[in-house]
Full PDB file with SEQRES, HELIX, SHEET, SSBOND, CRYST1, ORIGX, SCALE, CONECT and MASTER records, all heavy atoms in Angstrom:
SEQRES   1 A   43  MET PHE LEU MET GLY LEU THR TYR GLY PRO ILE GLY THR          
SEQRES   2 A   43  ALA LEU ALA GLY ILE PHE PRO ALA SER VAL ARG TYR THR          
SEQRES   3 A   43  GLY ALA SER LEU ALA PHE THR LEU ALA GLY ILE LEU GLY          
SEQRES   4 A   43  ALA SER LEU THR                                              
HELIX    1 AA1 PHE A    2  TYR A    8  1                                   7    
HELIX    2 AA2 ILE A   11  GLY A   17  1                                   7    
HELIX    3 AA3 ALA A   21  VAL A   23  5                                   3    
HELIX    4 AA4 ARG A   24  GLY A   36  1                                  13    
HELIX    5 AA5 ILE A   37  SER A   41  3                                   5    
CRYST1    1.000    1.000    1.000  90.00  90.00  90.00 P 1           1          
ORIGX1      1.000000  0.000000  0.000000        0.00000                         
ORIGX2      0.000000  1.000000  0.000000        0.00000                         
ORIGX3      0.000000  0.000000  1.000000        0.00000                         
SCALE1      1.000000  0.000000  0.000000        0.00000                         
SCALE2      0.000000  1.000000  0.000000        0.00000                         
SCALE3      0.000000  0.000000  1.000000        0.00000                         
ATOM      1  N   MET A   1      -0.389  -4.586  16.352  1.00  0.00           N  
ATOM      2  CA  MET A   1       0.904  -3.892  15.549  1.00  0.00           C  
ATOM      3  C   MET A   1       2.199  -4.300  16.293  1.00  0.00           C  
ATOM      4  O   MET A   1       3.224  -4.282  15.459  1.00  0.00           O  
ATOM      5  CB  MET A   1       0.564  -2.483  15.512  1.00  0.00           C  
ATOM      6  CG  MET A   1      -0.459  -1.983  14.565  1.00  0.00           C  
ATOM      7  SD  MET A   1      -0.351  -2.572  13.008  1.00  0.00           S  
ATOM      8  CE  MET A   1       0.761  -1.387  12.370  1.00  0.00           C  
ATOM      9  N   PHE A   2       2.178  -4.521  17.541  1.00  0.00           N  
ATOM     10  CA  PHE A   2       3.444  -5.047  18.074  1.00  0.00           C  
ATOM     11  C   PHE A   2       3.915  -6.419  17.582  1.00  0.00           C  
ATOM     12  O   PHE A   2       4.970  -6.616  17.247  1.00  0.00           O  
ATOM     13  CB  PHE A   2       3.229  -5.084  19.762  1.00  0.00           C  
ATOM     14  CG  PHE A   2       4.468  -5.518  20.483  1.00  0.00           C  
ATOM     15  CD1 PHE A   2       5.665  -4.730  20.496  1.00  0.00           C  
ATOM     16  CD2 PHE A   2       4.492  -6.828  21.029  1.00  0.00           C  
ATOM     17  CE1 PHE A   2       6.683  -5.114  21.151  1.00  0.00           C  
ATOM     18  CE2 PHE A   2       5.664  -7.125  21.597  1.00  0.00           C  
ATOM     19  CZ  PHE A   2       6.737  -6.266  21.727  1.00  0.00           C  
ATOM     20  N   LEU A   3       2.930  -7.185  17.403  1.00  0.00           N  
ATOM     21  CA  LEU A   3       3.143  -8.466  16.755  1.00  0.00           C  
ATOM     22  C   LEU A   3       3.698  -8.330  15.322  1.00  0.00           C  
ATOM     23  O   LEU A   3       4.517  -8.947  14.801  1.00  0.00           O  
ATOM     24  CB  LEU A   3       1.944  -9.384  16.733  1.00  0.00           C  
ATOM     25  CG  LEU A   3       1.462 -10.003  18.023  1.00  0.00           C  
ATOM     26  CD1 LEU A   3       0.060 -10.676  18.052  1.00  0.00           C  
ATOM     27  CD2 LEU A   3       2.639 -11.064  18.575  1.00  0.00           C  
ATOM     28  N   MET A   4       3.095  -7.268  14.754  1.00  0.00           N  
ATOM     29  CA  MET A   4       3.549  -6.977  13.366  1.00  0.00           C  
ATOM     30  C   MET A   4       5.149  -6.678  13.356  1.00  0.00           C  
ATOM     31  O   MET A   4       5.784  -7.002  12.583  1.00  0.00           O  
ATOM     32  CB  MET A   4       2.670  -5.752  12.848  1.00  0.00           C  
ATOM     33  CG  MET A   4       3.163  -5.141  11.469  1.00  0.00           C  
ATOM     34  SD  MET A   4       2.967  -6.464  10.095  1.00  0.00           S  
ATOM     35  CE  MET A   4       4.082  -5.741   8.812  1.00  0.00           C  
ATOM     36  N   GLY A   5       5.430  -5.816  14.358  1.00  0.00           N  
ATOM     37  CA  GLY A   5       6.773  -5.457  14.502  1.00  0.00           C  
ATOM     38  C   GLY A   5       7.811  -6.615  14.719  1.00  0.00           C  
ATOM     39  O   GLY A   5       8.827  -6.780  14.079  1.00  0.00           O  
ATOM     40  N   LEU A   6       7.265  -7.574  15.532  1.00  0.00           N  
ATOM     41  CA  LEU A   6       8.037  -8.711  15.906  1.00  0.00           C  
ATOM     42  C   LEU A   6       8.282  -9.583  14.616  1.00  0.00           C  
ATOM     43  O   LEU A   6       9.340 -10.277  14.424  1.00  0.00           O  
ATOM     44  CB  LEU A   6       7.463  -9.568  16.838  1.00  0.00           C  
ATOM     45  CG  LEU A   6       7.251  -8.924  18.291  1.00  0.00           C  
ATOM     46  CD1 LEU A   6       6.700  -9.962  19.281  1.00  0.00           C  
ATOM     47  CD2 LEU A   6       8.596  -8.415  18.739  1.00  0.00           C  
ATOM     48  N   THR A   7       7.269  -9.652  13.598  1.00  0.00           N  
ATOM     49  CA  THR A   7       7.592 -10.528  12.423  1.00  0.00           C  
ATOM     50  C   THR A   7       8.023  -9.806  11.296  1.00  0.00           C  
ATOM     51  O   THR A   7       8.871 -10.415  10.498  1.00  0.00           O  
ATOM     52  CB  THR A   7       6.096 -11.148  11.984  1.00  0.00           C  
ATOM     53  OG1 THR A   7       6.385 -11.971  10.878  1.00  0.00           O  
ATOM     54  CG2 THR A   7       5.227  -9.957  11.459  1.00  0.00           C  
ATOM     55  N   TYR A   8       8.118  -8.442  11.387  1.00  0.00           N  
ATOM     56  CA  TYR A   8       8.575  -7.568  10.175  1.00  0.00           C  
ATOM     57  C   TYR A   8      10.037  -7.316  10.409  1.00  0.00           C  
ATOM     58  O   TYR A   8      10.737  -7.249   9.519  1.00  0.00           O  
ATOM     59  CB  TYR A   8       7.793  -6.261  10.245  1.00  0.00           C  
ATOM     60  CG  TYR A   8       7.961  -5.565   8.956  1.00  0.00           C  
ATOM     61  CD1 TYR A   8       7.543  -6.002   7.637  1.00  0.00           C  
ATOM     62  CD2 TYR A   8       8.637  -4.158   8.869  1.00  0.00           C  
ATOM     63  CE1 TYR A   8       7.805  -5.254   6.471  1.00  0.00           C  
ATOM     64  CE2 TYR A   8       8.780  -3.483   7.772  1.00  0.00           C  
ATOM     65  CZ  TYR A   8       8.486  -4.008   6.519  1.00  0.00           C  
ATOM     66  OH  TYR A   8       8.726  -3.220   5.410  1.00  0.00           O  
ATOM     67  N   GLY A   9      10.486  -7.155  11.676  1.00  0.00           N  
ATOM     68  CA  GLY A   9      11.891  -6.883  11.974  1.00  0.00           C  
ATOM     69  C   GLY A   9      12.842  -7.725  11.262  1.00  0.00           C  
ATOM     70  O   GLY A   9      13.698  -7.219  10.483  1.00  0.00           O  
ATOM     71  N   PRO A  10      12.870  -9.132  11.440  1.00  0.00           N  
ATOM     72  CA  PRO A  10      13.887  -9.904  10.884  1.00  0.00           C  
ATOM     73  C   PRO A  10      13.616 -10.492   9.616  1.00  0.00           C  
ATOM     74  O   PRO A  10      14.401 -11.155   8.990  1.00  0.00           O  
ATOM     75  CB  PRO A  10      13.868 -11.174  11.896  1.00  0.00           C  
ATOM     76  CG  PRO A  10      12.923 -10.822  13.061  1.00  0.00           C  
ATOM     77  CD  PRO A  10      11.947  -9.845  12.379  1.00  0.00           C  
ATOM     78  N   ILE A  11      12.387 -10.291   9.006  1.00  0.00           N  
ATOM     79  CA  ILE A  11      11.978 -10.876   7.757  1.00  0.00           C  
ATOM     80  C   ILE A  11      12.969 -10.461   6.607  1.00  0.00           C  
ATOM     81  O   ILE A  11      13.212 -11.390   5.603  1.00  0.00           O  
ATOM     82  CB  ILE A  11      10.485 -10.616   7.410  1.00  0.00           C  
ATOM     83  CG1 ILE A  11       9.983 -11.551   6.289  1.00  0.00           C  
ATOM     84  CG2 ILE A  11      10.380  -9.184   6.907  1.00  0.00           C  
ATOM     85  CD1 ILE A  11      10.005 -12.927   6.679  1.00  0.00           C  
ATOM     86  N   GLY A  12      13.427  -9.336   6.558  1.00  0.00           N  
ATOM     87  CA  GLY A  12      14.327  -8.983   5.475  1.00  0.00           C  
ATOM     88  C   GLY A  12      15.570  -9.693   5.493  1.00  0.00           C  
ATOM     89  O   GLY A  12      16.014 -10.222   4.395  1.00  0.00           O  
ATOM     90  N   THR A  13      16.150  -9.788   6.648  1.00  0.00           N  
ATOM     91  CA  THR A  13      17.384 -10.592   6.817  1.00  0.00           C  
ATOM     92  C   THR A  13      17.235 -11.975   6.570  1.00  0.00           C  
ATOM     93  O   THR A  13      18.121 -12.657   5.910  1.00  0.00           O  
ATOM     94  CB  THR A  13      17.901 -10.369   8.198  1.00  0.00           C  
ATOM     95  OG1 THR A  13      18.061  -8.907   8.567  1.00  0.00           O  
ATOM     96  CG2 THR A  13      19.378 -11.002   8.351  1.00  0.00           C  
ATOM     97  N   ALA A  14      16.060 -12.510   6.990  1.00  0.00           N  
ATOM     98  CA  ALA A  14      15.837 -13.964   6.701  1.00  0.00           C  
ATOM     99  C   ALA A  14      15.648 -14.290   5.288  1.00  0.00           C  
ATOM    100  O   ALA A  14      16.081 -15.281   4.704  1.00  0.00           O  
ATOM    101  CB  ALA A  14      14.551 -14.297   7.640  1.00  0.00           C  
ATOM    102  N   LEU A  15      14.854 -13.404   4.495  1.00  0.00           N  
ATOM    103  CA  LEU A  15      14.709 -13.567   3.109  1.00  0.00           C  
ATOM    104  C   LEU A  15      16.055 -13.449   2.336  1.00  0.00           C  
ATOM    105  O   LEU A  15      16.439 -14.265   1.420  1.00  0.00           O  
ATOM    106  CB  LEU A  15      13.823 -12.675   2.585  1.00  0.00           C  
ATOM    107  CG  LEU A  15      12.265 -12.900   2.935  1.00  0.00           C  
ATOM    108  CD1 LEU A  15      11.396 -11.876   2.357  1.00  0.00           C  
ATOM    109  CD2 LEU A  15      11.720 -14.173   2.543  1.00  0.00           C  
ATOM    110  N   ALA A  16      16.896 -12.565   2.760  1.00  0.00           N  
ATOM    111  CA  ALA A  16      18.203 -12.387   2.088  1.00  0.00           C  
ATOM    112  C   ALA A  16      18.998 -13.657   2.255  1.00  0.00           C  
ATOM    113  O   ALA A  16      19.745 -14.105   1.413  1.00  0.00           O  
ATOM    114  CB  ALA A  16      18.965 -11.224   2.568  1.00  0.00           C  
ATOM    115  N   GLY A  17      18.798 -14.324   3.521  1.00  0.00           N  
ATOM    116  CA  GLY A  17      19.657 -15.533   3.753  1.00  0.00           C  
ATOM    117  C   GLY A  17      19.442 -16.671   3.025  1.00  0.00           C  
ATOM    118  O   GLY A  17      20.317 -17.566   2.975  1.00  0.00           O  
ATOM    119  N   ILE A  18      18.122 -16.872   2.487  1.00  0.00           N  
ATOM    120  CA  ILE A  18      17.937 -18.158   1.774  1.00  0.00           C  
ATOM    121  C   ILE A  18      18.341 -18.119   0.246  1.00  0.00           C  
ATOM    122  O   ILE A  18      18.036 -19.141  -0.468  1.00  0.00           O  
ATOM    123  CB  ILE A  18      16.281 -18.396   1.953  1.00  0.00           C  
ATOM    124  CG1 ILE A  18      15.485 -17.298   1.261  1.00  0.00           C  
ATOM    125  CG2 ILE A  18      15.864 -18.558   3.392  1.00  0.00           C  
ATOM    126  CD1 ILE A  18      14.004 -17.761   1.127  1.00  0.00           C  
ATOM    127  N   PHE A  19      18.897 -16.969  -0.171  1.00  0.00           N  
ATOM    128  CA  PHE A  19      19.325 -16.829  -1.680  1.00  0.00           C  
ATOM    129  C   PHE A  19      20.891 -16.599  -1.688  1.00  0.00           C  
ATOM    130  O   PHE A  19      21.387 -15.885  -0.867  1.00  0.00           O  
ATOM    131  CB  PHE A  19      18.569 -15.860  -2.364  1.00  0.00           C  
ATOM    132  CG  PHE A  19      17.159 -16.021  -2.496  1.00  0.00           C  
ATOM    133  CD1 PHE A  19      16.188 -15.433  -1.719  1.00  0.00           C  
ATOM    134  CD2 PHE A  19      16.622 -16.832  -3.574  1.00  0.00           C  
ATOM    135  CE1 PHE A  19      14.832 -15.583  -1.714  1.00  0.00           C  
ATOM    136  CE2 PHE A  19      15.251 -17.091  -3.708  1.00  0.00           C  
ATOM    137  CZ  PHE A  19      14.397 -16.400  -2.889  1.00  0.00           C  
ATOM    138  N   PRO A  20      21.475 -17.212  -2.536  1.00  0.00           N  
ATOM    139  CA  PRO A  20      22.989 -16.897  -2.786  1.00  0.00           C  
ATOM    140  C   PRO A  20      23.185 -15.501  -3.290  1.00  0.00           C  
ATOM    141  O   PRO A  20      22.220 -14.820  -3.806  1.00  0.00           O  
ATOM    142  CB  PRO A  20      23.439 -17.953  -3.847  1.00  0.00           C  
ATOM    143  CG  PRO A  20      22.149 -18.349  -4.617  1.00  0.00           C  
ATOM    144  CD  PRO A  20      21.196 -18.194  -3.654  1.00  0.00           C  
ATOM    145  N   ALA A  21      24.306 -14.921  -2.937  1.00  0.00           N  
ATOM    146  CA  ALA A  21      24.656 -13.624  -3.301  1.00  0.00           C  
ATOM    147  C   ALA A  21      24.388 -13.269  -4.704  1.00  0.00           C  
ATOM    148  O   ALA A  21      23.900 -12.088  -5.068  1.00  0.00           O  
ATOM    149  CB  ALA A  21      26.022 -13.142  -2.877  1.00  0.00           C  
ATOM    150  N   SER A  22      24.473 -14.142  -5.546  1.00  0.00           N  
ATOM    151  CA  SER A  22      24.380 -13.819  -7.118  1.00  0.00           C  
ATOM    152  C   SER A  22      23.142 -13.507  -7.473  1.00  0.00           C  
ATOM    153  O   SER A  22      22.775 -12.895  -8.546  1.00  0.00           O  
ATOM    154  CB  SER A  22      24.970 -14.998  -7.900  1.00  0.00           C  
ATOM    155  OG  SER A  22      24.350 -16.227  -7.616  1.00  0.00           O  
ATOM    156  N   VAL A  23      21.981 -14.071  -6.799  1.00  0.00           N  
ATOM    157  CA  VAL A  23      20.666 -13.771  -7.059  1.00  0.00           C  
ATOM    158  C   VAL A  23      19.820 -13.228  -5.932  1.00  0.00           C  
ATOM    159  O   VAL A  23      18.688 -13.240  -5.983  1.00  0.00           O  
ATOM    160  CB  VAL A  23      19.944 -15.048  -7.680  1.00  0.00           C  
ATOM    161  CG1 VAL A  23      20.585 -15.416  -9.005  1.00  0.00           C  
ATOM    162  CG2 VAL A  23      19.943 -16.108  -6.676  1.00  0.00           C  
ATOM    163  N   ARG A  24      20.619 -12.721  -4.963  1.00  0.00           N  
ATOM    164  CA  ARG A  24      19.948 -12.373  -3.660  1.00  0.00           C  
ATOM    165  C   ARG A  24      18.882 -11.179  -3.876  1.00  0.00           C  
ATOM    166  O   ARG A  24      18.002 -11.082  -3.289  1.00  0.00           O  
ATOM    167  CB  ARG A  24      21.066 -12.113  -2.744  1.00  0.00           C  
ATOM    168  CG  ARG A  24      20.422 -11.792  -1.217  1.00  0.00           C  
ATOM    169  CD  ARG A  24      21.586 -11.729  -0.304  1.00  0.00           C  
ATOM    170  NE  ARG A  24      22.333 -12.923  -0.104  1.00  0.00           N  
ATOM    171  CZ  ARG A  24      23.596 -13.034   0.247  1.00  0.00           C  
ATOM    172  NH1 ARG A  24      24.341 -12.074   0.466  1.00  0.00           N  
ATOM    173  NH2 ARG A  24      24.115 -14.313   0.429  1.00  0.00           N  
ATOM    174  N   TYR A  25      19.392 -10.097  -4.604  1.00  0.00           N  
ATOM    175  CA  TYR A  25      18.606  -8.885  -4.810  1.00  0.00           C  
ATOM    176  C   TYR A  25      17.316  -9.328  -5.488  1.00  0.00           C  
ATOM    177  O   TYR A  25      16.171  -8.950  -4.924  1.00  0.00           O  
ATOM    178  CB  TYR A  25      19.391  -7.959  -5.683  1.00  0.00           C  
ATOM    179  CG  TYR A  25      18.879  -6.512  -5.657  1.00  0.00           C  
ATOM    180  CD1 TYR A  25      19.835  -5.479  -5.371  1.00  0.00           C  
ATOM    181  CD2 TYR A  25      17.457  -6.200  -5.694  1.00  0.00           C  
ATOM    182  CE1 TYR A  25      19.411  -4.152  -5.376  1.00  0.00           C  
ATOM    183  CE2 TYR A  25      17.096  -4.990  -5.753  1.00  0.00           C  
ATOM    184  CZ  TYR A  25      18.067  -3.834  -5.587  1.00  0.00           C  
ATOM    185  OH  TYR A  25      17.633  -2.654  -5.412  1.00  0.00           O  
ATOM    186  N   THR A  26      17.332 -10.139  -6.569  1.00  0.00           N  
ATOM    187  CA  THR A  26      16.121 -10.552  -7.182  1.00  0.00           C  
ATOM    188  C   THR A  26      15.231 -11.374  -6.322  1.00  0.00           C  
ATOM    189  O   THR A  26      14.024 -11.362  -6.230  1.00  0.00           O  
ATOM    190  CB  THR A  26      16.498 -11.295  -8.425  1.00  0.00           C  
ATOM    191  OG1 THR A  26      17.319 -10.492  -9.315  1.00  0.00           O  
ATOM    192  CG2 THR A  26      15.224 -11.694  -9.396  1.00  0.00           C  
ATOM    193  N   GLY A  27      15.866 -12.489  -5.760  1.00  0.00           N  
ATOM    194  CA  GLY A  27      15.159 -13.525  -5.071  1.00  0.00           C  
ATOM    195  C   GLY A  27      14.500 -12.906  -3.889  1.00  0.00           C  
ATOM    196  O   GLY A  27      13.193 -13.140  -3.586  1.00  0.00           O  
ATOM    197  N   ALA A  28      15.150 -12.168  -2.939  1.00  0.00           N  
ATOM    198  CA  ALA A  28      14.493 -11.530  -1.753  1.00  0.00           C  
ATOM    199  C   ALA A  28      13.464 -10.569  -2.178  1.00  0.00           C  
ATOM    200  O   ALA A  28      12.359 -10.638  -1.521  1.00  0.00           O  
ATOM    201  CB  ALA A  28      15.629 -10.895  -0.962  1.00  0.00           C  
ATOM    202  N   SER A  29      13.683  -9.803  -3.171  1.00  0.00           N  
ATOM    203  CA  SER A  29      12.648  -8.747  -3.518  1.00  0.00           C  
ATOM    204  C   SER A  29      11.384  -9.412  -4.099  1.00  0.00           C  
ATOM    205  O   SER A  29      10.245  -9.061  -3.899  1.00  0.00           O  
ATOM    206  CB  SER A  29      13.256  -7.827  -4.645  1.00  0.00           C  
ATOM    207  OG  SER A  29      14.359  -7.152  -4.186  1.00  0.00           O  
ATOM    208  N   LEU A  30      11.570 -10.478  -4.807  1.00  0.00           N  
ATOM    209  CA  LEU A  30      10.519 -11.110  -5.444  1.00  0.00           C  
ATOM    210  C   LEU A  30       9.627 -11.861  -4.414  1.00  0.00           C  
ATOM    211  O   LEU A  30       8.387 -11.804  -4.506  1.00  0.00           O  
ATOM    212  CB  LEU A  30      10.851 -12.123  -6.511  1.00  0.00           C  
ATOM    213  CG  LEU A  30      11.146 -11.657  -8.000  1.00  0.00           C  
ATOM    214  CD1 LEU A  30      11.817 -12.789  -8.874  1.00  0.00           C  
ATOM    215  CD2 LEU A  30       9.961 -11.104  -8.596  1.00  0.00           C  
ATOM    216  N   ALA A  31      10.269 -12.459  -3.487  1.00  0.00           N  
ATOM    217  CA  ALA A  31       9.489 -13.245  -2.430  1.00  0.00           C  
ATOM    218  C   ALA A  31       8.749 -12.204  -1.664  1.00  0.00           C  
ATOM    219  O   ALA A  31       7.616 -12.537  -1.261  1.00  0.00           O  
ATOM    220  CB  ALA A  31      10.509 -13.991  -1.551  1.00  0.00           C  
ATOM    221  N   PHE A  32       9.337 -11.204  -1.235  1.00  0.00           N  
ATOM    222  CA  PHE A  32       8.633 -10.063  -0.589  1.00  0.00           C  
ATOM    223  C   PHE A  32       7.412  -9.484  -1.286  1.00  0.00           C  
ATOM    224  O   PHE A  32       6.379  -9.364  -0.707  1.00  0.00           O  
ATOM    225  CB  PHE A  32       9.510  -8.932  -0.223  1.00  0.00           C  
ATOM    226  CG  PHE A  32       9.177  -7.862   0.853  1.00  0.00           C  
ATOM    227  CD1 PHE A  32       9.164  -8.253   2.167  1.00  0.00           C  
ATOM    228  CD2 PHE A  32       8.850  -6.725   0.440  1.00  0.00           C  
ATOM    229  CE1 PHE A  32       8.620  -7.274   3.085  1.00  0.00           C  
ATOM    230  CE2 PHE A  32       8.320  -5.672   1.354  1.00  0.00           C  
ATOM    231  CZ  PHE A  32       8.309  -6.020   2.684  1.00  0.00           C  
ATOM    232  N   THR A  33       7.617  -9.145  -2.544  1.00  0.00           N  
ATOM    233  CA  THR A  33       6.634  -8.407  -3.285  1.00  0.00           C  
ATOM    234  C   THR A  33       5.494  -9.528  -3.711  1.00  0.00           C  
ATOM    235  O   THR A  33       4.314  -9.080  -3.753  1.00  0.00           O  
ATOM    236  CB  THR A  33       7.100  -7.827  -4.524  1.00  0.00           C  
ATOM    237  OG1 THR A  33       7.866  -8.640  -5.377  1.00  0.00           O  
ATOM    238  CG2 THR A  33       8.066  -6.578  -4.200  1.00  0.00           C  
ATOM    239  N   LEU A  34       5.795 -10.660  -3.915  1.00  0.00           N  
ATOM    240  CA  LEU A  34       4.786 -11.688  -4.335  1.00  0.00           C  
ATOM    241  C   LEU A  34       3.968 -11.942  -3.049  1.00  0.00           C  
ATOM    242  O   LEU A  34       2.620 -12.153  -3.156  1.00  0.00           O  
ATOM    243  CB  LEU A  34       5.500 -13.080  -4.825  1.00  0.00           C  
ATOM    244  CG  LEU A  34       6.164 -12.886  -6.167  1.00  0.00           C  
ATOM    245  CD1 LEU A  34       6.825 -14.238  -6.490  1.00  0.00           C  
ATOM    246  CD2 LEU A  34       4.941 -12.681  -7.309  1.00  0.00           C  
ATOM    247  N   ALA A  35       4.649 -12.026  -1.905  1.00  0.00           N  
ATOM    248  CA  ALA A  35       3.751 -12.138  -0.613  1.00  0.00           C  
ATOM    249  C   ALA A  35       2.887 -11.012  -0.541  1.00  0.00           C  
ATOM    250  O   ALA A  35       1.617 -11.055   0.029  1.00  0.00           O  
ATOM    251  CB  ALA A  35       4.749 -12.168   0.527  1.00  0.00           C  
ATOM    252  N   GLY A  36       3.380  -9.856  -0.906  1.00  0.00           N  
ATOM    253  CA  GLY A  36       2.384  -8.641  -0.773  1.00  0.00           C  
ATOM    254  C   GLY A  36       1.149  -8.794  -1.692  1.00  0.00           C  
ATOM    255  O   GLY A  36       0.064  -8.330  -1.185  1.00  0.00           O  
ATOM    256  N   ILE A  37       1.243  -9.450  -2.832  1.00  0.00           N  
ATOM    257  CA  ILE A  37       0.061  -9.541  -3.650  1.00  0.00           C  
ATOM    258  C   ILE A  37      -0.887 -10.564  -2.917  1.00  0.00           C  
ATOM    259  O   ILE A  37      -2.033 -10.232  -2.864  1.00  0.00           O  
ATOM    260  CB  ILE A  37       0.475 -10.070  -5.006  1.00  0.00           C  
ATOM    261  CG1 ILE A  37       1.108  -8.992  -5.856  1.00  0.00           C  
ATOM    262  CG2 ILE A  37      -0.963 -10.580  -5.693  1.00  0.00           C  
ATOM    263  CD1 ILE A  37       1.429  -9.434  -7.229  1.00  0.00           C  
ATOM    264  N   LEU A  38      -0.307 -11.659  -2.440  1.00  0.00           N  
ATOM    265  CA  LEU A  38      -1.113 -12.726  -1.773  1.00  0.00           C  
ATOM    266  C   LEU A  38      -1.652 -12.274  -0.454  1.00  0.00           C  
ATOM    267  O   LEU A  38      -2.716 -12.716  -0.101  1.00  0.00           O  
ATOM    268  CB  LEU A  38      -0.232 -13.991  -1.678  1.00  0.00           C  
ATOM    269  CG  LEU A  38       0.222 -14.731  -2.991  1.00  0.00           C  
ATOM    270  CD1 LEU A  38       1.118 -15.814  -2.839  1.00  0.00           C  
ATOM    271  CD2 LEU A  38      -0.989 -15.053  -3.864  1.00  0.00           C  
ATOM    272  N   GLY A  39      -0.899 -11.581   0.318  1.00  0.00           N  
ATOM    273  CA  GLY A  39      -1.261 -11.202   1.563  1.00  0.00           C  
ATOM    274  C   GLY A  39      -1.937  -9.867   1.834  1.00  0.00           C  
ATOM    275  O   GLY A  39      -2.449  -9.555   2.879  1.00  0.00           O  
ATOM    276  N   ALA A  40      -1.853  -9.027   0.826  1.00  0.00           N  
ATOM    277  CA  ALA A  40      -2.223  -7.675   1.047  1.00  0.00           C  
ATOM    278  C   ALA A  40      -3.315  -7.253   0.023  1.00  0.00           C  
ATOM    279  O   ALA A  40      -4.323  -6.635   0.453  1.00  0.00           O  
ATOM    280  CB  ALA A  40      -1.198  -6.694   0.846  1.00  0.00           C  
ATOM    281  N   SER A  41      -3.184  -7.586  -1.260  1.00  0.00           N  
ATOM    282  CA  SER A  41      -4.062  -6.946  -2.209  1.00  0.00           C  
ATOM    283  C   SER A  41      -5.541  -7.175  -2.069  1.00  0.00           C  
ATOM    284  O   SER A  41      -6.351  -6.282  -2.177  1.00  0.00           O  
ATOM    285  CB  SER A  41      -3.713  -7.353  -3.703  1.00  0.00           C  
ATOM    286  OG  SER A  41      -3.820  -8.859  -3.736  1.00  0.00           O  
ATOM    287  N   LEU A  42      -5.884  -8.374  -1.588  1.00  0.00           N  
ATOM    288  CA  LEU A  42      -7.366  -8.751  -1.541  1.00  0.00           C  
ATOM    289  C   LEU A  42      -7.720  -8.812  -0.015  1.00  0.00           C  
ATOM    290  O   LEU A  42      -8.865  -9.158   0.154  1.00  0.00           O  
ATOM    291  CB  LEU A  42      -7.644 -10.136  -2.144  1.00  0.00           C  
ATOM    292  CG  LEU A  42      -7.422 -10.068  -3.659  1.00  0.00           C  
ATOM    293  CD1 LEU A  42      -7.732 -11.545  -4.223  1.00  0.00           C  
ATOM    294  CD2 LEU A  42      -8.374  -9.063  -4.408  1.00  0.00           C  
ATOM    295  N   THR A  43      -6.933  -8.713   0.868  1.00  0.00           N  
ATOM    296  CA  THR A  43      -7.217  -8.948   2.285  1.00  0.00           C  
ATOM    297  C   THR A  43      -8.157  -8.045   2.818  1.00  0.00           C  
ATOM    298  O   THR A  43      -9.217  -8.548   3.448  1.00  0.00           O  
ATOM    299  CB  THR A  43      -5.914  -8.706   3.100  1.00  0.00           C  
ATOM    300  OG1 THR A  43      -5.011  -9.868   2.837  1.00  0.00           O  
ATOM    301  CG2 THR A  43      -6.197  -8.810   4.650  1.00  0.00           C  
TER     302      THR A  43                                                      
MASTER        0    0    0    5    0    0    0    6  301    1    0    4          
END                                                                             
């Protein structure tokens, strides 16, 4: 869980950084939630 904290802390800022401001809300939210399906739903 400590490793979880290390990877979870900056991921929001990092995802926001790869999209321009005009689509940043949509892009960061979709990347995060799609990863949730792939990384969580069947794990």
